Every structure is written in C-alpha cells, then in structure tokens.
Amino acid sequence: IQSRIFDPMFTTRMGRGGVGLGLSVVHNIVTRNM
C-alpha cells in the first residue's frame, strides 16, 4: 500500500475517524507549491 498512501481518500482507518486527505495534501503542497 506504500504506492497508494498519497492517493486522495485512501486510508486504513475508514469508519474510525480516518479521512485519507492528510498525506494527499502533503503530496499536493510539496509537488505543486514547493
């Protein structure tokens, strides 16, 4: 799953408070803004 953790809405805690947006936001900021 290492190749999918930066995909939007991918989380291993679905239904337990996980949204799957944090690492996607990280990838977005690092690659596009920085």
PDB file of all heavy atoms in Angstrom:
ATOM      1  N   ILE A   1       0.824  -1.220   0.000  1.00  0.00           N
ATOM      2  CA  ILE A   1       0.000   0.000   0.000  1.00  0.00           C
ATOM      3  C   ILE A   1       0.851   1.259   0.000  1.00  0.00           C
ATOM      4  O   ILE A   1       0.303   2.365   0.031  1.00  0.00           O
ATOM      5  CB  ILE A   1      -0.952   0.026   1.221  1.00  0.00           C
ATOM      6  CG1 ILE A   1      -0.147   0.114   2.524  1.00  0.00           C
ATOM      7  CG2 ILE A   1      -1.876  -1.169   1.220  1.00  0.00           C
ATOM      8  CD1 ILE A   1      -1.022   0.329   3.745  1.00  0.00           C
ATOM      9  N   GLN A   2       2.177   1.132  -0.014  1.00  0.00           N
ATOM     10  CA  GLN A   2       3.019   2.326   0.008  1.00  0.00           C
ATOM     11  C   GLN A   2       2.828   3.181  -1.235  1.00  0.00           C
ATOM     12  O   GLN A   2       2.980   4.401  -1.189  1.00  0.00           O
ATOM     13  CB  GLN A   2       4.494   1.927   0.146  1.00  0.00           C
ATOM     14  CG  GLN A   2       4.866   1.401   1.520  1.00  0.00           C
ATOM     15  CD  GLN A   2       6.350   1.115   1.650  1.00  0.00           C
ATOM     16  OE1 GLN A   2       7.134   1.422   0.744  1.00  0.00           O
ATOM     17  NE2 GLN A   2       6.748   0.526   2.778  1.00  0.00           N
ATOM     18  N   SER A   3       2.489   2.552  -2.359  1.00  0.00           N
ATOM     19  CA  SER A   3       2.294   3.317  -3.585  1.00  0.00           C
ATOM     20  C   SER A   3       0.944   4.024  -3.626  1.00  0.00           C
ATOM     21  O   SER A   3       0.694   4.822  -4.525  1.00  0.00           O
ATOM     22  CB  SER A   3       2.411   2.394  -4.807  1.00  0.00           C
ATOM     23  OG  SER A   3       1.424   1.369  -4.745  1.00  0.00           O
ATOM     24  N   ARG A   4       0.072   3.765  -2.649  1.00  0.00           N
ATOM     25  CA  ARG A   4      -1.285   4.340  -2.673  1.00  0.00           C
ATOM     26  C   ARG A   4      -1.550   5.309  -1.534  1.00  0.00           C
ATOM     27  O   ARG A   4      -2.614   5.931  -1.491  1.00  0.00           O
ATOM     28  CB  ARG A   4      -2.320   3.213  -2.600  1.00  0.00           C
ATOM     29  CG  ARG A   4      -2.233   2.201  -3.735  1.00  0.00           C
ATOM     30  CD  ARG A   4      -3.108   0.986  -3.458  1.00  0.00           C
ATOM     31  NE  ARG A   4      -4.478   1.371  -3.185  1.00  0.00           N
ATOM     32  CZ  ARG A   4      -5.392   0.564  -2.632  1.00  0.00           C
ATOM     33  NH1 ARG A   4      -5.052  -0.667  -2.280  1.00  0.00           N
ATOM     34  NH2 ARG A   4      -6.619   0.985  -2.438  1.00  0.00           N
ATOM     35  N   ILE A   5      -0.616   5.463  -0.598  1.00  0.00           N
ATOM     36  CA  ILE A   5      -0.921   6.245   0.600  1.00  0.00           C
ATOM     37  C   ILE A   5      -1.072   7.727   0.302  1.00  0.00           C
ATOM     38  O   ILE A   5      -1.662   8.471   1.096  1.00  0.00           O
ATOM     39  CB  ILE A   5       0.155   6.038   1.688  1.00  0.00           C
ATOM     40  CG1 ILE A   5       1.522   6.503   1.174  1.00  0.00           C
ATOM     41  CG2 ILE A   5       0.201   4.601   2.134  1.00  0.00           C
ATOM     42  CD1 ILE A   5       2.588   6.446   2.250  1.00  0.00           C
ATOM     43  N   PHE A   6      -0.524   8.194  -0.852  1.00  0.00           N
ATOM     44  CA  PHE A   6      -0.664   9.602  -1.201  1.00  0.00           C
ATOM     45  C   PHE A   6      -1.883   9.854  -2.079  1.00  0.00           C
ATOM     46  O   PHE A   6      -2.119  10.992  -2.501  1.00  0.00           O
ATOM     47  CB  PHE A   6       0.592  10.111  -1.920  1.00  0.00           C
ATOM     48  CG  PHE A   6       1.826  10.097  -1.056  1.00  0.00           C
ATOM     49  CD1 PHE A   6       2.812   9.149  -1.254  1.00  0.00           C
ATOM     50  CD2 PHE A   6       1.975  11.028  -0.047  1.00  0.00           C
ATOM     51  CE1 PHE A   6       3.947   9.136  -0.461  1.00  0.00           C
ATOM     52  CE2 PHE A   6       3.119  11.014   0.747  1.00  0.00           C
ATOM     53  CZ  PHE A   6       4.102  10.056   0.549  1.00  0.00           C
ATOM     54  N   ASP A   7      -2.667   8.803  -2.367  1.00  0.00           N
ATOM     55  CA  ASP A   7      -3.888   8.987  -3.154  1.00  0.00           C
ATOM     56  C   ASP A   7      -4.954   9.637  -2.283  1.00  0.00           C
ATOM     57  O   ASP A   7      -5.091   9.311  -1.097  1.00  0.00           O
ATOM     58  CB  ASP A   7      -4.400   7.648  -3.682  1.00  0.00           C
ATOM     59  CG  ASP A   7      -3.473   7.051  -4.721  1.00  0.00           C
ATOM     60  OD1 ASP A   7      -2.620   7.794  -5.260  1.00  0.00           O
ATOM     61  OD2 ASP A   7      -3.609   5.845  -4.996  1.00  0.00           O
ATOM     62  N   PRO A   8      -5.766  10.543  -2.858  1.00  0.00           N
ATOM     63  CA  PRO A   8      -6.861  11.146  -2.080  1.00  0.00           C
ATOM     64  C   PRO A   8      -7.867  10.090  -1.619  1.00  0.00           C
ATOM     65  O   PRO A   8      -8.200   9.163  -2.351  1.00  0.00           O
ATOM     66  CB  PRO A   8      -7.497  12.135  -3.072  1.00  0.00           C
ATOM     67  CG  PRO A   8      -6.447  12.386  -4.102  1.00  0.00           C
ATOM     68  CD  PRO A   8      -5.648  11.132  -4.215  1.00  0.00           C
ATOM     69  N   MET A   9      -8.321  10.270  -0.375  1.00  0.00           N
ATOM     70  CA  MET A   9      -9.345   9.424   0.250  1.00  0.00           C
ATOM     71  C   MET A   9      -8.878   8.000   0.494  1.00  0.00           C
ATOM     72  O   MET A   9      -9.688   7.119   0.765  1.00  0.00           O
ATOM     73  CB  MET A   9     -10.637   9.397  -0.594  1.00  0.00           C
ATOM     74  CG  MET A   9     -11.218  10.756  -0.905  1.00  0.00           C
ATOM     75  SD  MET A   9     -11.482  11.772   0.562  1.00  0.00           S
ATOM     76  CE  MET A   9     -12.725  10.808   1.405  1.00  0.00           C
ATOM     77  N   PHE A  10      -7.574   7.745   0.457  1.00  0.00           N
ATOM     78  CA  PHE A  10      -7.088   6.410   0.805  1.00  0.00           C
ATOM     79  C   PHE A  10      -6.683   6.413   2.281  1.00  0.00           C
ATOM     80  O   PHE A  10      -5.880   7.239   2.719  1.00  0.00           O
ATOM     81  CB  PHE A  10      -5.877   6.032  -0.053  1.00  0.00           C
ATOM     82  CG  PHE A  10      -5.290   4.689   0.340  1.00  0.00           C
ATOM     83  CD1 PHE A  10      -5.883   3.517  -0.078  1.00  0.00           C
ATOM     84  CD2 PHE A  10      -4.174   4.616   1.160  1.00  0.00           C
ATOM     85  CE1 PHE A  10      -5.361   2.284   0.292  1.00  0.00           C
ATOM     86  CE2 PHE A  10      -3.645   3.403   1.540  1.00  0.00           C
ATOM     87  CZ  PHE A  10      -4.245   2.223   1.098  1.00  0.00           C
ATOM     88  N   THR A  11      -7.265   5.526   3.058  1.00  0.00           N
ATOM     89  CA  THR A  11      -6.950   5.426   4.472  1.00  0.00           C
ATOM     90  C   THR A  11      -7.162   3.999   4.935  1.00  0.00           C
ATOM     91  O   THR A  11      -8.002   3.267   4.391  1.00  0.00           O
ATOM     92  CB  THR A  11      -7.824   6.382   5.308  1.00  0.00           C
ATOM     93  OG1 THR A  11      -7.510   6.206   6.698  1.00  0.00           O
ATOM     94  CG2 THR A  11      -9.305   6.110   5.102  1.00  0.00           C
ATOM     95  N   THR A  12      -6.392   3.611   5.923  1.00  0.00           N
ATOM     96  CA  THR A  12      -6.557   2.286   6.533  1.00  0.00           C
ATOM     97  C   THR A  12      -7.470   2.326   7.748  1.00  0.00           C
ATOM     98  O   THR A  12      -7.661   1.319   8.411  1.00  0.00           O
ATOM     99  CB  THR A  12      -5.181   1.721   6.939  1.00  0.00           C
ATOM    100  OG1 THR A  12      -4.565   2.619   7.874  1.00  0.00           O
ATOM    101  CG2 THR A  12      -4.296   1.538   5.722  1.00  0.00           C
ATOM    102  N   ARG A  13      -8.025   3.522   8.045  1.00  0.00           N
ATOM    103  CA  ARG A  13      -8.900   3.683   9.214  1.00  0.00           C
ATOM    104  C   ARG A  13     -10.279   4.188   8.785  1.00  0.00           C
ATOM    105  O   ARG A  13     -10.873   5.039   9.433  1.00  0.00           O
ATOM    106  CB  ARG A  13      -8.277   4.665  10.206  1.00  0.00           C
ATOM    107  CG  ARG A  13      -6.986   4.177  10.821  1.00  0.00           C
ATOM    108  CD  ARG A  13      -6.364   5.249  11.703  1.00  0.00           C
ATOM    109  NE  ARG A  13      -7.233   5.612  12.803  1.00  0.00           N
ATOM    110  CZ  ARG A  13      -7.267   4.984  13.971  1.00  0.00           C
ATOM    111  NH1 ARG A  13      -6.481   3.939  14.197  1.00  0.00           N
ATOM    112  NH2 ARG A  13      -8.070   5.385  14.922  1.00  0.00           N
ATOM    113  N   MET A  14     -10.769   3.705   7.662  1.00  0.00           N
ATOM    114  CA  MET A  14     -12.086   4.102   7.189  1.00  0.00           C
ATOM    115  C   MET A  14     -13.144   3.678   8.208  1.00  0.00           C
ATOM    116  O   MET A  14     -13.160   2.537   8.645  1.00  0.00           O
ATOM    117  CB  MET A  14     -12.388   3.459   5.831  1.00  0.00           C
ATOM    118  CG  MET A  14     -13.746   3.851   5.252  1.00  0.00           C
ATOM    119  SD  MET A  14     -13.850   5.616   4.902  1.00  0.00           S
ATOM    120  CE  MET A  14     -12.698   5.733   3.529  1.00  0.00           C
ATOM    121  N   GLY A  15     -13.983   4.648   8.590  1.00  0.00           N
ATOM    122  CA  GLY A  15     -15.017   4.363   9.583  1.00  0.00           C
ATOM    123  C   GLY A  15     -14.537   4.527  11.012  1.00  0.00           C
ATOM    124  O   GLY A  15     -15.312   4.404  11.945  1.00  0.00           O
ATOM    125  N   ARG A  16     -13.249   4.796  11.225  1.00  0.00           N
ATOM    126  CA  ARG A  16     -12.707   5.002  12.582  1.00  0.00           C
ATOM    127  C   ARG A  16     -12.056   6.371  12.700  1.00  0.00           C
ATOM    128  O   ARG A  16     -11.104   6.568  13.434  1.00  0.00           O
ATOM    129  CB  ARG A  16     -11.684   3.919  12.915  1.00  0.00           C
ATOM    130  CG  ARG A  16     -12.278   2.508  12.994  1.00  0.00           C
ATOM    131  CD  ARG A  16     -11.214   1.509  13.391  1.00  0.00           C
ATOM    132  NE  ARG A  16     -10.142   1.436  12.405  1.00  0.00           N
ATOM    133  CZ  ARG A  16      -8.913   0.976  12.675  1.00  0.00           C
ATOM    134  NH1 ARG A  16      -8.614   0.570  13.898  1.00  0.00           N
ATOM    135  NH2 ARG A  16      -8.001   0.934  11.721  1.00  0.00           N
ATOM    136  N   GLY A  17     -12.566   7.356  11.987  1.00  0.00           N
ATOM    137  CA  GLY A  17     -12.044   8.710  12.068  1.00  0.00           C
ATOM    138  C   GLY A  17     -11.068   9.061  10.975  1.00  0.00           C
ATOM    139  O   GLY A  17     -10.654  10.217  10.854  1.00  0.00           O
ATOM    140  N   GLY A  18     -10.665   8.099  10.134  1.00  0.00           N
ATOM    141  CA  GLY A  18      -9.739   8.378   9.048  1.00  0.00           C
ATOM    142  C   GLY A  18     -10.456   8.918   7.833  1.00  0.00           C
ATOM    143  O   GLY A  18     -11.526   8.434   7.458  1.00  0.00           O
ATOM    144  N   VAL A  19      -9.881   9.978   7.203  1.00  0.00           N
ATOM    145  CA  VAL A  19     -10.462  10.578   6.020  1.00  0.00           C
ATOM    146  C   VAL A  19      -9.632  10.291   4.786  1.00  0.00           C
ATOM    147  O   VAL A  19     -10.134  10.138   3.692  1.00  0.00           O
ATOM    148  CB  VAL A  19     -10.626  12.104   6.214  1.00  0.00           C
ATOM    149  CG1 VAL A  19     -11.244  12.736   4.985  1.00  0.00           C
ATOM    150  CG2 VAL A  19     -11.465  12.387   7.440  1.00  0.00           C
ATOM    151  N   GLY A  20      -8.323  10.185   4.948  1.00  0.00           N
ATOM    152  CA  GLY A  20      -7.454   9.898   3.808  1.00  0.00           C
ATOM    153  C   GLY A  20      -7.091  11.118   3.001  1.00  0.00           C
ATOM    154  O   GLY A  20      -6.891  11.020   1.795  1.00  0.00           O
ATOM    155  N   LEU A  21      -7.031  12.286   3.642  1.00  0.00           N
ATOM    156  CA  LEU A  21      -6.685  13.506   2.918  1.00  0.00           C
ATOM    157  C   LEU A  21      -5.355  14.094   3.359  1.00  0.00           C
ATOM    158  O   LEU A  21      -4.778  14.913   2.644  1.00  0.00           O
ATOM    159  CB  LEU A  21      -7.784  14.558   3.135  1.00  0.00           C
ATOM    160  CG  LEU A  21      -9.148  14.236   2.515  1.00  0.00           C
ATOM    161  CD1 LEU A  21     -10.143  15.327   2.859  1.00  0.00           C
ATOM    162  CD2 LEU A  21      -9.036  14.082   1.019  1.00  0.00           C
ATOM    163  N   GLY A  22      -4.858  13.727   4.544  1.00  0.00           N
ATOM    164  CA  GLY A  22      -3.650  14.344   5.077  1.00  0.00           C
ATOM    165  C   GLY A  22      -2.440  14.155   4.180  1.00  0.00           C
ATOM    166  O   GLY A  22      -1.779  15.115   3.761  1.00  0.00           O
ATOM    167  N   LEU A  23      -2.103  12.894   3.846  1.00  0.00           N
ATOM    168  CA  LEU A  23      -0.933  12.633   3.006  1.00  0.00           C
ATOM    169  C   LEU A  23      -1.154  13.122   1.584  1.00  0.00           C
ATOM    170  O   LEU A  23      -0.201  13.501   0.897  1.00  0.00           O
ATOM    171  CB  LEU A  23      -0.608  11.139   3.023  1.00  0.00           C
ATOM    172  CG  LEU A  23      -0.140  10.580   4.377  1.00  0.00           C
ATOM    173  CD1 LEU A  23       0.178   9.106   4.269  1.00  0.00           C
ATOM    174  CD2 LEU A  23       1.083  11.338   4.879  1.00  0.00           C
ATOM    175  N   SER A  24      -2.411  13.129   1.126  1.00  0.00           N
ATOM    176  CA  SER A  24      -2.684  13.682  -0.198  1.00  0.00           C
ATOM    177  C   SER A  24      -2.405  15.174  -0.226  1.00  0.00           C
ATOM    178  O   SER A  24      -1.854  15.708  -1.195  1.00  0.00           O
ATOM    179  CB  SER A  24      -4.137  13.398  -0.591  1.00  0.00           C
ATOM    180  OG  SER A  24      -4.429  13.956  -1.845  1.00  0.00           O
ATOM    181  N   VAL A  25      -2.777  15.883   0.857  1.00  0.00           N
ATOM    182  CA  VAL A  25      -2.463  17.309   0.957  1.00  0.00           C
ATOM    183  C   VAL A  25      -0.957  17.524   1.000  1.00  0.00           C
ATOM    184  O   VAL A  25      -0.422  18.452   0.382  1.00  0.00           O
ATOM    185  CB  VAL A  25      -3.146  17.912   2.208  1.00  0.00           C
ATOM    186  CG1 VAL A  25      -2.676  19.327   2.445  1.00  0.00           C
ATOM    187  CG2 VAL A  25      -4.652  17.875   2.044  1.00  0.00           C
ATOM    188  N   VAL A  26      -0.234  16.643   1.728  1.00  0.00           N
ATOM    189  CA  VAL A  26       1.228  16.739   1.792  1.00  0.00           C
ATOM    190  C   VAL A  26       1.824  16.620   0.386  1.00  0.00           C
ATOM    191  O   VAL A  26       2.672  17.431  -0.036  1.00  0.00           O
ATOM    192  CB  VAL A  26       1.794  15.645   2.726  1.00  0.00           C
ATOM    193  CG1 VAL A  26       3.306  15.551   2.574  1.00  0.00           C
ATOM    194  CG2 VAL A  26       1.432  15.953   4.169  1.00  0.00           C
ATOM    195  N   HIS A  27       1.385  15.605  -0.356  1.00  0.00           N
ATOM    196  CA  HIS A  27       1.905  15.409  -1.715  1.00  0.00           C
ATOM    197  C   HIS A  27       1.566  16.605  -2.606  1.00  0.00           C
ATOM    198  O   HIS A  27       2.388  17.058  -3.411  1.00  0.00           O
ATOM    199  CB  HIS A  27       1.308  14.122  -2.289  1.00  0.00           C
ATOM    200  CG  HIS A  27       1.850  13.753  -3.636  1.00  0.00           C
ATOM    201  ND1 HIS A  27       1.299  14.222  -4.803  1.00  0.00           N
ATOM    202  CD2 HIS A  27       2.921  12.980  -4.003  1.00  0.00           C
ATOM    203  CE1 HIS A  27       1.981  13.762  -5.829  1.00  0.00           C
ATOM    204  NE2 HIS A  27       2.967  12.989  -5.376  1.00  0.00           N
ATOM    205  N   ASN A  28       0.361  17.138  -2.452  1.00  0.00           N
ATOM    206  CA  ASN A  28      -0.068  18.262  -3.274  1.00  0.00           C
ATOM    207  C   ASN A  28       0.784  19.501  -3.004  1.00  0.00           C
ATOM    208  O   ASN A  28       1.250  20.174  -3.933  1.00  0.00           O
ATOM    209  CB  ASN A  28      -1.536  18.558  -2.988  1.00  0.00           C
ATOM    210  CG  ASN A  28      -2.106  19.582  -3.940  1.00  0.00           C
ATOM    211  OD1 ASN A  28      -1.688  19.667  -5.089  1.00  0.00           O
ATOM    212  ND2 ASN A  28      -3.039  20.377  -3.463  1.00  0.00           N
ATOM    213  N   ILE A  29       1.007  19.827  -1.705  1.00  0.00           N
ATOM    214  CA  ILE A  29       1.775  21.019  -1.359  1.00  0.00           C
ATOM    215  C   ILE A  29       3.226  20.871  -1.781  1.00  0.00           C
ATOM    216  O   ILE A  29       3.831  21.790  -2.361  1.00  0.00           O
ATOM    217  CB  ILE A  29       1.674  21.291   0.159  1.00  0.00           C
ATOM    218  CG1 ILE A  29       0.233  21.666   0.526  1.00  0.00           C
ATOM    219  CG2 ILE A  29       2.624  22.392   0.581  1.00  0.00           C
ATOM    220  CD1 ILE A  29       0.009  21.852   2.003  1.00  0.00           C
ATOM    221  N   VAL A  30       3.829  19.702  -1.504  1.00  0.00           N
ATOM    222  CA  VAL A  30       5.256  19.518  -1.793  1.00  0.00           C
ATOM    223  C   VAL A  30       5.524  19.579  -3.293  1.00  0.00           C
ATOM    224  O   VAL A  30       6.467  20.239  -3.749  1.00  0.00           O
ATOM    225  CB  VAL A  30       5.741  18.177  -1.187  1.00  0.00           C
ATOM    226  CG1 VAL A  30       7.157  17.870  -1.660  1.00  0.00           C
ATOM    227  CG2 VAL A  30       5.715  18.257   0.333  1.00  0.00           C
ATOM    228  N   THR A  31       4.696  18.900  -4.077  1.00  0.00           N
ATOM    229  CA  THR A  31       4.980  18.807  -5.508  1.00  0.00           C
ATOM    230  C   THR A  31       4.531  20.056  -6.266  1.00  0.00           C
ATOM    231  O   THR A  31       5.205  20.491  -7.206  1.00  0.00           O
ATOM    232  CB  THR A  31       4.301  17.571  -6.097  1.00  0.00           C
ATOM    233  OG1 THR A  31       2.892  17.637  -5.834  1.00  0.00           O
ATOM    234  CG2 THR A  31       4.859  16.314  -5.476  1.00  0.00           C
ATOM    235  N   ARG A  32       3.404  20.660  -5.878  1.00  0.00           N
ATOM    236  CA  ARG A  32       2.876  21.783  -6.655  1.00  0.00           C
ATOM    237  C   ARG A  32       3.353  23.129  -6.139  1.00  0.00           C
ATOM    238  O   ARG A  32       3.701  24.005  -6.927  1.00  0.00           O
ATOM    239  CB  ARG A  32       1.343  21.744  -6.636  1.00  0.00           C
ATOM    240  CG  ARG A  32       0.756  20.533  -7.337  1.00  0.00           C
ATOM    241  CD  ARG A  32      -0.756  20.634  -7.383  1.00  0.00           C
ATOM    242  NE  ARG A  32      -1.354  19.481  -8.040  1.00  0.00           N
ATOM    243  CZ  ARG A  32      -2.647  19.331  -8.256  1.00  0.00           C
ATOM    244  NH1 ARG A  32      -3.489  20.279  -7.872  1.00  0.00           N
ATOM    245  NH2 ARG A  32      -3.119  18.262  -8.858  1.00  0.00           N
ATOM    246  N   ASN A  33       3.355  23.310  -4.833  1.00  0.00           N
ATOM    247  CA  ASN A  33       3.679  24.616  -4.284  1.00  0.00           C
ATOM    248  C   ASN A  33       5.165  24.799  -3.996  1.00  0.00           C
ATOM    249  O   ASN A  33       5.687  25.907  -4.156  1.00  0.00           O
ATOM    250  CB  ASN A  33       2.894  24.860  -2.976  1.00  0.00           C
ATOM    251  CG  ASN A  33       1.405  24.914  -3.212  1.00  0.00           C
ATOM    252  OD1 ASN A  33       0.781  23.880  -3.374  1.00  0.00           O
ATOM    253  ND2 ASN A  33       0.830  26.106  -3.237  1.00  0.00           N
ATOM    254  N   MET A  34       5.822  23.740  -3.531  1.00  0.00           N
ATOM    255  CA  MET A  34       7.204  23.873  -3.084  1.00  0.00           C
ATOM    256  C   MET A  34       8.213  23.342  -4.088  1.00  0.00           C
ATOM    257  O   MET A  34       9.425  23.435  -3.866  1.00  0.00           O
ATOM    258  CB  MET A  34       7.374  23.161  -1.725  1.00  0.00           C
ATOM    259  CG  MET A  34       6.353  23.606  -0.676  1.00  0.00           C
ATOM    260  SD  MET A  34       6.516  22.781   0.917  1.00  0.00           S
ATOM    261  CE  MET A  34       8.035  23.526   1.492  1.00  0.00           C
TER     262      MET A  34
END
